[in-house]
Amino acid sequence: MDLKVAKFGGTSMATATSINQVADIVKSDAGRNYVVVSAPGKRSKNDIKVTDLLYSCFYDLEIKGECKENFAKIRDRFTGIVEELGLKFDINPYLDKVEEEMIKFHSSEYCASRGEYLSAVVMAQKLGYEFVDAKDIMVFSQEGVFMPEETNKKVAEKLSVIKKAVIPGFYGADELGVIHTFSRGGSDVSGAVVARAVNAKLYENWTDVNGFMVTDPRIVENPQQISMLSYKELRELSYMGANVLHPDSIFPVRVSNIPINIKNTFEPSNAGTMIVSAMPKEIIDKRAVTGIAGKKGYSIIFIAKAMMNNEIAFVRKVLSALEYYNVSVEHIPSGIDTMSVVVADSEIAGKEDAIIEKIRAAVSPDAIELKRGIALIATVGHGMAFKPGCSAKLCTALANAKINIRMLDQGASELNIIVGVSDSDYENAVKAIYHAFY
């Protein structure tokens, strides 16, 4: 029997019907001994996620000192799920304690974590598995920094004596018992941590889509499904907006070379997408491009100065000016006398003029300009390194679509090609690149 860790997302935990589907999936494979769950998500387009209701409770506590109205919605949600599941179990004492401690601790992270906590309590009852509270095994520092090695030891020790368990995702605690959370979507990370600690053969991440598509289906109609991609390809695509899986979730499993299988709770027969440490040669030979992803909302700081290439520490001085304002940099394409620094608009909002002046004072450029309205598109694939003409094919596709390339950046590994285009050209550019390779 191959041991598997199965993590189920918010849509999978949203209703009694979907929870029943989750239970059927878990019980259909004797290897699914450890289950990690998210808080209940939306039941419909206009519904509100439980985590968002919990954040609203915290804001109510901040402003009004109580959160009865929003917590009543949370109580109704969970009591309704338990009733529809037909469980002989009273969840009200758990809800009472959560409401009491939300007021007592007055912490946004504590409030936000309670959706996963209550969801795991219900799932444990449904499956007949033991409930293991994440606060007892997921270790954070008092500053809220996740501590992976300490956590790995604790999880391994705890679960070595528990054959079947349900664990809430998204949170843990420091040595004082104070709750800390990962970033949103962090239940994916929790599942990966558990998979590593129990030395699972496979980490299954169950969601509401059939894995990764080659590109965004909101832009390209019915894009092909990616059957397999590497950890490195996942990082590139996730960072650029392919949000099926939290990008940090690969780090725990990569240590032990545990593959991740993205699966659809509502179509479990679909093979989904397998994420592996190393791509098989036959797939690399067959496929140049694995995926295409991108985001709007970038700017380019364009700097020109004659003989820039001969000036020692020129790049360092520019980056130091950005560091002074706590701005991270996306890309730095450059020429002999020119340098472009690509930054997210959110990083420079409200301090654009100050940054420009800081750079001007640092390097005395002949010209400096902030170019706004840039979208970045990443074309990712290990196969590009072995197939001549990929860059030419991409650029030709954009030229044929009458799209001007504002920036082009390709790393020495040839794993990805980044192009910058105007925000207004973004969707058409993605379509053009997709149809050039698929």
Protein backbone atom coordinates (compact mmCIF):
# COMPACT_ATOMS: atom_id res chain seq x y z
CA MET A 1 0.00 0.00 0.00
CA ASP A 2 1.41 3.36 -1.08
CA LEU A 3 0.95 6.02 1.58
CA LYS A 4 -0.70 9.22 0.32
CA VAL A 5 -1.49 12.57 1.88
CA ALA A 6 -4.66 14.13 0.48
CA LYS A 7 -5.35 17.84 0.83
CA PHE A 8 -8.84 19.15 -0.01
CA GLY A 9 -9.47 22.78 -0.86
CA GLY A 10 -12.25 25.16 0.09
CA THR A 11 -14.62 24.22 -2.73
CA SER A 12 -14.27 20.55 -1.78
CA MET A 13 -15.27 21.41 1.79
CA ALA A 14 -18.00 23.93 0.95
CA THR A 15 -21.14 21.79 1.38
CA ALA A 16 -22.32 18.53 2.88
CA THR A 17 -22.64 17.12 -0.65
CA SER A 18 -19.04 17.96 -1.53
CA ILE A 19 -17.81 16.65 1.85
CA ASN A 20 -19.55 13.36 1.11
CA GLN A 21 -17.64 13.27 -2.18
CA VAL A 22 -14.43 13.91 -0.28
CA ALA A 23 -15.20 11.04 2.10
CA ASP A 24 -15.87 8.70 -0.84
CA ILE A 25 -12.54 9.69 -2.43
CA VAL A 26 -10.60 9.12 0.81
CA LYS A 27 -12.22 5.74 1.47
CA SER A 28 -11.68 4.57 -2.12
CA ASP A 29 -7.93 4.24 -1.50
CA ALA A 30 -6.58 2.56 1.63
CA GLY A 31 -3.40 4.61 1.30
CA ARG A 32 -5.09 7.94 2.01
CA ASN A 33 -4.40 7.86 5.74
CA TYR A 34 -3.71 11.55 6.28
CA VAL A 35 -6.13 14.25 5.17
CA VAL A 36 -5.52 18.02 5.29
CA VAL A 37 -8.45 20.36 4.79
CA SER A 38 -9.15 24.01 4.03
CA ALA A 39 -12.00 26.13 5.39
CA PRO A 40 -15.32 25.88 3.51
CA GLY A 41 -15.25 27.96 0.34
CA LYS A 42 -18.02 29.49 -1.73
CA ARG A 43 -21.16 27.46 -2.41
CA SER A 44 -22.09 29.70 -5.32
CA LYS A 45 -20.71 32.68 -7.20
CA ASN A 46 -22.21 35.25 -4.81
CA ASP A 47 -21.49 33.31 -1.62
CA ILE A 48 -18.86 34.32 0.96
CA LYS A 49 -15.96 32.09 1.99
CA VAL A 50 -15.86 31.15 5.68
CA THR A 51 -12.34 32.64 5.96
CA ASP A 52 -13.64 35.98 4.70
CA LEU A 53 -16.46 35.85 7.26
CA LEU A 54 -13.85 35.21 9.94
CA TYR A 55 -11.82 38.22 8.84
CA SER A 56 -15.04 40.24 9.00
CA CYS A 57 -15.48 39.02 12.57
CA PHE A 58 -12.03 40.33 13.44
CA TYR A 59 -12.80 43.73 11.91
CA ASP A 60 -16.08 43.81 13.86
CA LEU A 61 -14.13 43.12 17.05
CA GLU A 62 -11.74 45.93 16.19
CA ILE A 63 -14.51 48.45 15.60
CA LYS A 64 -17.45 47.31 17.72
CA GLY A 65 -15.93 44.96 20.27
CA GLU A 66 -18.25 42.13 19.22
CA CYS A 67 -18.95 40.03 16.10
CA LYS A 68 -22.33 38.42 16.75
CA GLU A 69 -23.81 39.04 13.30
CA ASN A 70 -20.99 37.59 11.23
CA PHE A 71 -20.31 34.76 13.66
CA ALA A 72 -23.97 33.78 13.49
CA LYS A 73 -23.44 33.17 9.75
CA ILE A 74 -20.42 30.97 10.51
CA ARG A 75 -22.39 29.04 13.14
CA ASP A 76 -25.25 28.50 10.71
CA ARG A 77 -22.83 27.31 8.04
CA PHE A 78 -21.20 24.64 10.21
CA THR A 79 -24.29 23.46 12.06
CA GLY A 80 -26.01 23.16 8.68
CA ILE A 81 -23.18 21.05 7.27
CA VAL A 82 -23.17 18.74 10.31
CA GLU A 83 -26.94 18.34 10.15
CA GLU A 84 -26.95 17.59 6.41
CA LEU A 85 -24.15 15.05 6.87
CA GLY A 86 -26.30 13.27 9.45
CA LEU A 87 -23.51 13.20 12.03
CA LYS A 88 -24.36 12.32 15.63
CA PHE A 89 -22.16 15.12 16.80
CA ASP A 90 -22.79 18.49 18.43
CA ILE A 91 -20.49 21.10 16.96
CA ASN A 92 -21.89 23.94 19.06
CA PRO A 93 -19.40 23.54 21.95
CA TYR A 94 -16.56 23.94 19.42
CA LEU A 95 -18.24 27.02 17.96
CA ASP A 96 -18.84 28.47 21.41
CA LYS A 97 -15.17 28.07 22.29
CA VAL A 98 -14.04 29.65 19.00
CA GLU A 99 -16.31 32.65 19.51
CA GLU A 100 -15.11 33.07 23.08
CA GLU A 101 -11.41 32.83 22.15
CA MET A 102 -11.78 35.20 19.18
CA ILE A 103 -12.86 37.86 21.66
CA LYS A 104 -10.22 36.81 24.19
CA PHE A 105 -7.19 36.68 21.87
CA HIS A 106 -8.23 39.51 19.55
CA SER A 107 -5.90 38.21 16.81
CA SER A 108 -6.53 38.34 13.06
CA GLU A 109 -4.48 35.16 12.56
CA TYR A 110 -6.42 33.29 15.24
CA CYS A 111 -9.72 34.39 13.71
CA ALA A 112 -8.66 33.48 10.17
CA SER A 113 -7.48 30.01 11.20
CA ARG A 114 -10.75 28.85 12.73
CA GLY A 115 -12.34 27.89 9.41
CA GLU A 116 -9.73 25.20 8.86
CA TYR A 117 -9.96 24.13 12.50
CA LEU A 118 -13.74 23.63 12.39
CA SER A 119 -13.58 22.08 8.94
CA ALA A 120 -11.08 19.47 10.16
CA VAL A 121 -13.20 18.72 13.25
CA VAL A 122 -16.17 17.95 10.98
CA MET A 123 -14.11 15.93 8.50
CA ALA A 124 -12.60 13.81 11.28
CA GLN A 125 -16.10 12.99 12.51
CA LYS A 126 -17.23 12.11 9.01
CA LEU A 127 -14.30 9.80 8.28
CA GLY A 128 -13.88 8.37 11.77
CA TYR A 129 -10.26 9.56 11.72
CA GLU A 130 -8.42 11.17 14.64
CA PHE A 131 -8.36 14.97 14.70
CA VAL A 132 -4.83 16.41 15.08
CA ASP A 133 -4.71 20.14 15.73
CA ALA A 134 -2.19 21.95 13.52
CA LYS A 135 -1.18 24.17 16.45
CA ASP A 136 0.42 21.12 18.07
CA ILE A 137 2.60 20.15 15.09
CA MET A 138 3.12 23.14 12.74
CA VAL A 139 5.90 25.23 14.33
CA PHE A 140 6.28 28.99 13.91
CA SER A 141 8.64 31.38 15.64
CA GLN A 142 7.20 34.08 17.88
CA GLU A 143 7.78 36.47 14.96
CA GLY A 144 5.46 34.37 12.80
CA VAL A 145 8.16 32.71 10.67
CA PHE A 146 7.47 29.09 9.70
CA MET A 147 10.14 26.67 10.95
CA PRO A 148 10.23 23.70 8.54
CA GLU A 149 12.78 21.40 10.19
CA GLU A 150 11.28 21.71 13.68
CA THR A 151 7.86 21.12 12.14
CA ASN A 152 9.03 18.06 10.22
CA LYS A 153 10.25 16.46 13.44
CA LYS A 154 7.05 17.23 15.33
CA VAL A 155 4.73 16.02 12.58
CA ALA A 156 6.71 12.83 12.04
CA GLU A 157 6.75 12.07 15.76
CA LYS A 158 3.03 12.78 16.25
CA LEU A 159 1.77 10.88 13.21
CA SER A 160 4.07 7.88 13.75
CA VAL A 161 1.59 6.66 16.37
CA ILE A 162 -1.61 7.72 14.58
CA LYS A 163 -2.65 5.60 11.59
CA LYS A 164 -5.39 7.86 10.23
CA ALA A 165 -5.74 11.58 10.92
CA VAL A 166 -7.38 14.78 9.71
CA ILE A 167 -5.29 17.92 10.10
CA PRO A 168 -6.40 21.52 9.53
CA GLY A 169 -4.32 23.42 7.00
CA PHE A 170 -3.19 27.05 6.90
CA TYR A 171 -1.97 27.55 10.48
CA GLY A 172 0.31 26.50 13.30
CA ALA A 173 1.56 28.02 16.54
CA ASP A 174 4.69 29.25 18.27
CA GLU A 175 6.16 27.87 21.50
CA LEU A 176 3.74 30.00 23.53
CA GLY A 177 0.74 28.53 21.73
CA VAL A 178 0.00 31.73 19.77
CA ILE A 179 -1.61 30.96 16.41
CA HIS A 180 0.20 31.99 13.22
CA THR A 181 -0.92 31.46 9.63
CA PHE A 182 0.62 30.96 6.23
CA SER A 183 -0.40 33.33 3.43
CA ARG A 184 -3.81 32.73 1.82
CA GLY A 185 -3.87 29.35 0.13
CA GLY A 186 -1.40 28.08 2.72
CA SER A 187 -3.29 24.83 3.31
CA ASP A 188 -1.41 23.59 0.22
CA VAL A 189 1.80 24.14 2.17
CA SER A 190 0.41 22.33 5.23
CA GLY A 191 -0.41 19.30 3.11
CA ALA A 192 3.07 19.25 1.60
CA VAL A 193 4.64 19.48 5.07
CA VAL A 194 2.64 16.47 6.25
CA ALA A 195 3.53 14.52 3.08
CA ARG A 196 7.21 15.07 3.70
CA ALA A 197 7.02 14.17 7.39
CA VAL A 198 5.25 10.83 6.82
CA ASN A 199 7.42 10.07 3.77
CA ALA A 200 4.37 9.75 1.53
CA LYS A 201 4.67 8.22 -1.94
CA LEU A 202 2.33 10.90 -3.30
CA TYR A 203 0.88 14.23 -2.24
CA GLU A 204 -2.61 14.69 -3.68
CA ASN A 205 -4.00 18.21 -3.87
CA TRP A 206 -7.73 18.04 -4.54
CA THR A 207 -9.40 21.15 -5.92
CA ASP A 208 -12.21 22.09 -8.34
CA VAL A 209 -10.25 21.94 -11.62
CA ASN A 210 -8.59 19.13 -13.57
CA GLY A 211 -5.09 20.29 -12.77
CA PHE A 212 -3.10 22.89 -14.69
CA MET A 213 -4.11 24.06 -18.14
CA VAL A 214 -1.48 25.24 -20.64
CA THR A 215 -2.88 28.74 -20.20
CA ASP A 216 -5.75 30.66 -18.61
CA PRO A 217 -9.10 29.26 -19.85
CA ARG A 218 -10.62 32.70 -19.34
CA ILE A 219 -8.39 33.91 -22.18
CA VAL A 220 -8.03 30.87 -24.45
CA GLU A 221 -11.10 28.71 -24.91
CA ASN A 222 -10.56 25.06 -23.88
CA PRO A 223 -6.76 25.10 -23.55
CA GLN A 224 -5.03 21.75 -23.33
CA GLN A 225 -4.49 20.19 -19.91
CA ILE A 226 -0.90 19.74 -18.71
CA SER A 227 -0.41 16.08 -17.82
CA MET A 228 2.97 16.59 -16.16
CA LEU A 229 5.26 19.45 -15.20
CA SER A 230 8.35 19.88 -13.07
CA TYR A 231 8.76 21.67 -9.75
CA LYS A 232 10.77 24.37 -11.57
CA GLU A 233 8.09 24.88 -14.21
CA LEU A 234 5.44 25.06 -11.49
CA ARG A 235 7.35 27.81 -9.68
CA GLU A 236 7.60 29.89 -12.84
CA LEU A 237 3.94 29.45 -13.80
CA SER A 238 2.57 29.94 -10.28
CA TYR A 239 4.59 33.09 -9.75
CA MET A 240 3.20 34.52 -12.98
CA GLY A 241 -0.41 33.90 -12.03
CA ALA A 242 -1.27 30.22 -12.56
CA ASN A 243 -2.87 29.91 -9.13
CA VAL A 244 -3.98 26.27 -8.97
CA LEU A 245 -1.40 25.53 -6.26
CA HIS A 246 0.37 27.71 -3.69
CA PRO A 247 3.91 28.17 -5.11
CA ASP A 248 5.59 27.57 -1.73
CA SER A 249 3.99 24.13 -1.40
CA ILE A 250 6.66 22.47 -3.54
CA PHE A 251 9.51 23.13 -1.12
CA PRO A 252 8.64 20.53 1.55
CA VAL A 253 7.99 17.71 -0.94
CA ARG A 254 10.94 18.56 -3.20
CA VAL A 255 13.32 17.69 -0.36
CA SER A 256 12.11 14.08 -0.53
CA ASN A 257 11.23 14.00 -4.26
CA ILE A 258 7.57 13.39 -3.50
CA PRO A 259 5.40 14.01 -6.58
CA ILE A 260 2.26 16.17 -6.35
CA ASN A 261 -0.94 15.18 -8.12
CA ILE A 262 -3.45 17.97 -8.73
CA LYS A 263 -6.90 16.35 -8.89
CA ASN A 264 -10.52 17.42 -9.23
CA THR A 265 -12.83 16.44 -6.36
CA PHE A 266 -15.79 16.70 -8.71
CA GLU A 267 -14.21 14.62 -11.48
CA PRO A 268 -11.98 12.15 -9.62
CA SER A 269 -11.52 9.88 -12.64
CA ASN A 270 -9.53 12.61 -14.43
CA ALA A 271 -5.80 11.96 -14.13
CA GLY A 272 -5.13 15.61 -13.31
CA THR A 273 -1.63 17.08 -13.42
CA MET A 274 1.41 15.33 -11.98
CA ILE A 275 4.21 17.56 -10.66
CA VAL A 276 7.61 15.86 -10.48
CA SER A 277 11.20 16.72 -9.64
CA ALA A 278 12.60 15.75 -13.04
CA MET A 279 10.74 15.61 -16.35
CA PRO A 280 11.05 12.37 -18.35
CA LYS A 281 13.18 12.82 -21.47
CA GLU A 282 10.40 11.63 -23.76
CA ILE A 283 8.14 14.49 -22.63
CA ILE A 284 10.92 17.09 -22.97
CA ASP A 285 11.65 15.82 -26.48
CA LYS A 286 7.98 15.94 -27.43
CA ARG A 287 6.94 19.26 -25.88
CA ALA A 288 8.72 22.59 -26.22
CA VAL A 289 6.34 24.72 -24.15
CA THR A 290 4.66 23.45 -21.00
CA GLY A 291 2.62 26.50 -20.02
CA ILE A 292 1.93 30.18 -20.57
CA ALA A 293 1.02 32.52 -17.73
CA GLY A 294 1.13 36.22 -17.08
CA LYS A 295 0.00 39.24 -15.11
CA LYS A 296 -0.77 42.88 -15.70
CA GLY A 297 0.30 45.72 -13.45
CA TYR A 298 3.99 46.32 -14.05
CA SER A 299 6.17 49.32 -14.90
CA ILE A 300 9.61 49.65 -16.47
CA ILE A 301 12.19 52.09 -15.14
CA PHE A 302 14.24 52.84 -18.28
CA ILE A 303 17.75 54.24 -17.66
CA ALA A 304 20.19 55.40 -20.33
CA LYS A 305 23.78 56.54 -19.89
CA ALA A 306 26.69 56.60 -22.31
CA MET A 307 29.51 54.20 -21.38
CA MET A 308 27.34 52.61 -18.69
CA ASN A 309 29.09 49.28 -19.26
CA ASN A 310 32.43 50.78 -18.14
CA GLU A 311 31.08 52.27 -14.92
CA ILE A 312 31.87 50.05 -11.94
CA ALA A 313 28.90 49.12 -9.70
CA PHE A 314 26.36 50.91 -11.89
CA VAL A 315 23.75 48.15 -11.48
CA ARG A 316 24.40 47.89 -7.74
CA LYS A 317 23.81 51.61 -7.29
CA VAL A 318 20.48 51.42 -9.14
CA LEU A 319 19.37 48.40 -7.13
CA SER A 320 20.48 50.04 -3.89
CA ALA A 321 18.18 52.96 -4.65
CA LEU A 322 15.29 50.51 -5.05
CA GLU A 323 16.32 48.61 -1.92
CA TYR A 324 16.20 51.89 0.02
CA TYR A 325 12.47 52.05 -0.76
CA ASN A 326 11.96 48.32 -0.13
CA VAL A 327 11.15 47.57 -3.78
CA SER A 328 11.75 44.08 -5.18
CA VAL A 329 12.77 43.74 -8.82
CA GLU A 330 11.22 41.37 -11.38
CA HIS A 331 13.66 41.57 -14.31
CA ILE A 332 16.67 43.62 -15.46
CA PRO A 333 17.09 43.41 -19.24
CA SER A 334 19.93 45.67 -20.35
CA GLY A 335 22.14 46.86 -23.21
CA ILE A 336 25.56 48.50 -23.38
CA ASP A 337 24.26 51.99 -22.61
CA THR A 338 20.76 51.18 -21.34
CA MET A 339 19.20 49.35 -18.42
CA SER A 340 15.55 48.50 -17.78
CA VAL A 341 14.25 47.57 -14.36
CA VAL A 342 10.85 45.88 -14.28
CA VAL A 343 8.88 46.34 -11.06
CA ALA A 344 5.32 45.64 -9.95
CA ASP A 345 3.13 48.74 -9.73
CA SER A 346 2.13 47.69 -6.22
CA GLU A 347 5.79 47.87 -5.14
CA ILE A 348 6.31 51.49 -6.19
CA ALA A 349 2.83 52.96 -5.62
CA GLY A 350 3.06 56.40 -4.01
CA LYS A 351 6.86 56.61 -4.14
CA GLU A 352 7.55 56.69 -7.88
CA ASP A 353 8.99 60.23 -7.95
CA ALA A 354 11.17 59.60 -4.91
CA ILE A 355 12.58 56.41 -6.47
CA ILE A 356 13.38 58.16 -9.75
CA GLU A 357 15.18 60.96 -7.91
CA LYS A 358 17.09 58.45 -5.78
CA ILE A 359 18.32 56.64 -8.90
CA ARG A 360 19.13 59.96 -10.60
CA ALA A 361 21.26 61.00 -7.62
CA ALA A 362 22.99 57.60 -7.48
CA VAL A 363 24.06 57.19 -11.13
CA SER A 364 23.49 60.55 -12.91
CA PRO A 365 21.84 59.02 -15.99
CA ASP A 366 21.55 60.80 -19.33
CA ALA A 367 17.87 59.88 -19.31
CA ILE A 368 15.47 58.10 -16.96
CA GLU A 369 11.82 57.34 -17.63
CA LEU A 370 9.02 55.39 -15.95
CA LYS A 371 6.99 53.42 -18.49
CA ARG A 372 3.66 52.25 -17.10
CA GLY A 373 0.96 49.84 -18.22
CA ILE A 374 3.12 46.77 -18.80
CA ALA A 375 1.96 43.15 -18.69
CA LEU A 376 4.45 40.29 -18.32
CA ILE A 377 3.91 36.92 -19.99
CA ALA A 378 6.03 33.85 -19.17
CA THR A 379 6.34 31.06 -21.72
CA VAL A 380 7.72 28.12 -19.75
CA GLY A 381 9.08 24.72 -20.71
CA HIS A 382 12.19 22.56 -20.31
CA GLY A 383 11.85 21.53 -23.96
CA MET A 384 12.67 25.01 -25.26
CA ALA A 385 16.35 24.47 -24.44
CA PHE A 386 16.54 21.63 -26.97
CA LYS A 387 14.45 23.06 -29.79
CA PRO A 388 15.95 25.80 -31.98
CA GLY A 389 13.67 28.66 -32.98
CA CYS A 390 11.36 28.89 -29.95
CA SER A 391 12.14 32.56 -29.39
CA ALA A 392 11.70 33.24 -33.09
CA LYS A 393 8.35 31.43 -33.14
CA LEU A 394 7.12 33.42 -30.13
CA CYS A 395 8.23 36.78 -31.52
CA THR A 396 6.79 35.98 -34.95
CA ALA A 397 3.45 35.09 -33.39
CA LEU A 398 3.33 38.44 -31.60
CA ALA A 399 4.41 40.30 -34.74
CA ASN A 400 1.70 38.60 -36.78
CA ALA A 401 -0.83 39.66 -34.14
CA LYS A 402 0.50 43.24 -34.48
CA ILE A 403 1.66 43.29 -30.85
CA ASN A 404 4.73 45.32 -29.94
CA ILE A 405 7.20 43.68 -27.55
CA ARG A 406 8.16 46.24 -24.90
CA MET A 407 10.64 43.93 -23.15
CA LEU A 408 12.20 40.52 -23.77
CA ASP A 409 14.13 38.45 -21.22
CA GLN A 410 15.37 34.87 -21.49
CA GLY A 411 17.51 33.17 -18.84
CA ALA A 412 20.57 31.10 -19.65
CA SER A 413 18.72 27.95 -18.56
CA GLU A 414 16.19 28.57 -21.37
CA LEU A 415 13.43 27.41 -19.04
CA ASN A 416 11.31 30.46 -19.79
CA ILE A 417 10.97 33.46 -22.04
CA ILE A 418 9.49 36.60 -20.48
CA VAL A 419 7.95 39.22 -22.73
CA GLY A 420 6.55 42.55 -21.71
CA VAL A 421 3.64 43.99 -23.70
CA SER A 422 1.15 46.79 -23.15
CA ASP A 423 -1.67 45.92 -20.75
CA SER A 424 -4.13 46.44 -23.61
CA ASP A 425 -2.36 43.73 -25.68
CA TYR A 426 -2.14 41.17 -22.87
CA GLU A 427 -5.04 38.84 -23.76
CA ASN A 428 -4.28 38.85 -27.50
CA ALA A 429 -0.61 38.19 -26.78
CA VAL A 430 -1.42 35.13 -24.65
CA LYS A 431 -3.69 33.81 -27.41
CA ALA A 432 -1.03 34.38 -30.06
CA ILE A 433 1.68 32.57 -28.08
CA TYR A 434 -0.65 29.67 -27.22
CA HIS A 435 -1.70 29.10 -30.83
CA ALA A 436 1.91 29.32 -32.01
CA PHE A 437 2.91 26.34 -29.87
CA TYR A 438 -0.38 24.43 -29.55
